[in-house]
Amino acid sequence: MLGTTTMSMAFSYWSLLKHLDDNAKMDLIILLTNSLKHSEKENEVSAKDFYGVWGDDGLTAEEFVNELKAERKFHREIIDL
């Protein structure tokens, strides 16, 4: 169900578009449908998107963990009670 704000916007647009001829309305339907299809694809995440992100730098697992620990920075201040 549409919210009142969304419905109000839809009616505002409809008041502008209802006087268009059928061909123009069909073109708008196609454009809106395509925009929905594209927005769905943009939100999808695939494992393929991450392929090659972590390059092989020749570190062993232990060296990698030590490097991560050395690079950590904490931004909180510990207060003695």
C-alpha atoms as a PDB file:
ATOM      1  CA  MET A   1       0.000   0.000   0.000  1.00  0.00           C
ATOM      2  CA  LEU A   2       1.279   3.456  -0.836  1.00  0.00           C
ATOM      3  CA  GLY A   3       1.929   6.045   1.826  1.00  0.00           C
ATOM      4  CA  THR A   4       0.025   9.319   1.740  1.00  0.00           C
ATOM      5  CA  THR A   5       3.078  11.264   0.560  1.00  0.00           C
ATOM      6  CA  THR A   6       3.788   8.783  -2.229  1.00  0.00           C
ATOM      7  CA  MET A   7       0.138   8.737  -3.241  1.00  0.00           C
ATOM      8  CA  SER A   8       0.036  12.535  -3.240  1.00  0.00           C
ATOM      9  CA  MET A   9       3.080  12.640  -5.522  1.00  0.00           C
ATOM     10  CA  ALA A  10       1.542  10.039  -7.819  1.00  0.00           C
ATOM     11  CA  PHE A  11      -1.665  12.079  -8.136  1.00  0.00           C
ATOM     12  CA  SER A  12       0.361  15.236  -8.801  1.00  0.00           C
ATOM     13  CA  TYR A  13       2.164  13.521 -11.665  1.00  0.00           C
ATOM     14  CA  TRP A  14      -1.060  11.987 -12.931  1.00  0.00           C
ATOM     15  CA  SER A  15      -2.706  15.395 -13.143  1.00  0.00           C
ATOM     16  CA  LEU A  16       0.105  16.434 -15.485  1.00  0.00           C
ATOM     17  CA  LEU A  17       0.307  13.214 -17.506  1.00  0.00           C
ATOM     18  CA  LYS A  18      -3.329  12.199 -17.933  1.00  0.00           C
ATOM     19  CA  HIS A  19      -3.759  14.520 -20.917  1.00  0.00           C
ATOM     20  CA  LEU A  20      -0.976  12.877 -22.942  1.00  0.00           C
ATOM     21  CA  ASP A  21      -1.889  10.707 -25.904  1.00  0.00           C
ATOM     22  CA  ASP A  22      -1.736   6.917 -25.615  1.00  0.00           C
ATOM     23  CA  ASN A  23       1.632   6.640 -27.381  1.00  0.00           C
ATOM     24  CA  ALA A  24       3.280   9.066 -24.977  1.00  0.00           C
ATOM     25  CA  LYS A  25       1.796   7.177 -22.005  1.00  0.00           C
ATOM     26  CA  MET A  26       3.134   3.886 -23.399  1.00  0.00           C
ATOM     27  CA  ASP A  27       6.585   5.444 -23.797  1.00  0.00           C
ATOM     28  CA  LEU A  28       6.457   6.579 -20.172  1.00  0.00           C
ATOM     29  CA  ILE A  29       5.441   3.087 -19.052  1.00  0.00           C
ATOM     30  CA  ILE A  30       8.431   1.624 -20.889  1.00  0.00           C
ATOM     31  CA  LEU A  31      10.809   4.186 -19.380  1.00  0.00           C
ATOM     32  CA  LEU A  32       9.502   3.581 -15.853  1.00  0.00           C
ATOM     33  CA  THR A  33       9.641  -0.193 -16.275  1.00  0.00           C
ATOM     34  CA  ASN A  34      13.223  -0.024 -17.544  1.00  0.00           C
ATOM     35  CA  SER A  35      14.245   2.195 -14.643  1.00  0.00           C
ATOM     36  CA  LEU A  36      12.892  -0.401 -12.206  1.00  0.00           C
ATOM     37  CA  LYS A  37      14.758  -3.217 -13.943  1.00  0.00           C
ATOM     38  CA  HIS A  38      18.032  -1.275 -13.851  1.00  0.00           C
ATOM     39  CA  SER A  39      17.673  -0.290 -10.207  1.00  0.00           C
ATOM     40  CA  GLU A  40      17.145  -3.957  -9.253  1.00  0.00           C
ATOM     41  CA  LYS A  41      20.349  -4.964 -11.061  1.00  0.00           C
ATOM     42  CA  GLU A  42      22.354  -2.194  -9.376  1.00  0.00           C
ATOM     43  CA  ASN A  43      21.396  -3.498  -5.928  1.00  0.00           C
ATOM     44  CA  GLU A  44      22.425  -7.083  -6.675  1.00  0.00           C
ATOM     45  CA  VAL A  45      25.823  -8.159  -5.379  1.00  0.00           C
ATOM     46  CA  SER A  46      27.596 -11.134  -6.816  1.00  0.00           C
ATOM     47  CA  ALA A  47      30.675 -12.986  -5.622  1.00  0.00           C
ATOM     48  CA  LYS A  48      32.125 -12.230  -9.059  1.00  0.00           C
ATOM     49  CA  ASP A  49      32.234  -8.552  -8.039  1.00  0.00           C
ATOM     50  CA  PHE A  50      34.931  -9.400  -5.510  1.00  0.00           C
ATOM     51  CA  TYR A  51      37.127 -11.569  -7.717  1.00  0.00           C
ATOM     52  CA  GLY A  52      40.725 -10.372  -7.596  1.00  0.00           C
ATOM     53  CA  VAL A  53      40.118  -7.834  -4.836  1.00  0.00           C
ATOM     54  CA  TRP A  54      42.583  -9.570  -2.555  1.00  0.00           C
ATOM     55  CA  GLY A  55      45.790  -9.942  -4.507  1.00  0.00           C
ATOM     56  CA  ASP A  56      48.395 -12.520  -3.594  1.00  0.00           C
ATOM     57  CA  ASP A  57      51.178 -10.559  -1.963  1.00  0.00           C
ATOM     58  CA  GLY A  58      53.105 -13.650  -0.883  1.00  0.00           C
ATOM     59  CA  LEU A  59      52.448 -13.294   2.851  1.00  0.00           C
ATOM     60  CA  THR A  60      51.831 -16.301   5.029  1.00  0.00           C
ATOM     61  CA  ALA A  61      48.670 -16.328   7.109  1.00  0.00           C
ATOM     62  CA  GLU A  62      50.657 -15.473  10.237  1.00  0.00           C
ATOM     63  CA  GLU A  63      52.455 -12.576   8.520  1.00  0.00           C
ATOM     64  CA  PHE A  64      49.137 -11.281   7.201  1.00  0.00           C
ATOM     65  CA  VAL A  65      47.544 -11.358  10.676  1.00  0.00           C
ATOM     66  CA  ASN A  66      50.565  -9.611  12.198  1.00  0.00           C
ATOM     67  CA  GLU A  67      50.395  -6.930   9.515  1.00  0.00           C
ATOM     68  CA  LEU A  68      46.700  -6.370  10.191  1.00  0.00           C
ATOM     69  CA  LYS A  69      47.300  -6.093  13.931  1.00  0.00           C
ATOM     70  CA  ALA A  70      50.147  -3.635  13.411  1.00  0.00           C
ATOM     71  CA  GLU A  71      47.933  -1.381  11.246  1.00  0.00           C
ATOM     72  CA  ARG A  72      45.022  -1.236  13.683  1.00  0.00           C
ATOM     73  CA  LYS A  73      44.298   2.158  15.151  1.00  0.00           C
ATOM     74  CA  PHE A  74      41.819   2.755  17.928  1.00  0.00           C
ATOM     75  CA  HIS A  75      40.091   6.081  18.347  1.00  0.00           C
ATOM     76  CA  ARG A  76      38.713   5.592  21.796  1.00  0.00           C
ATOM     77  CA  GLU A  77      40.170   6.848  25.003  1.00  0.00           C
ATOM     78  CA  ILE A  78      40.307   4.482  27.946  1.00  0.00           C
ATOM     79  CA  ILE A  79      39.576   6.185  31.258  1.00  0.00           C
ATOM     80  CA  ASP A  80      40.835   4.726  34.522  1.00  0.00           C
ATOM     81  CA  LEU A  81      38.050   4.287  37.053  1.00  0.00           C
END
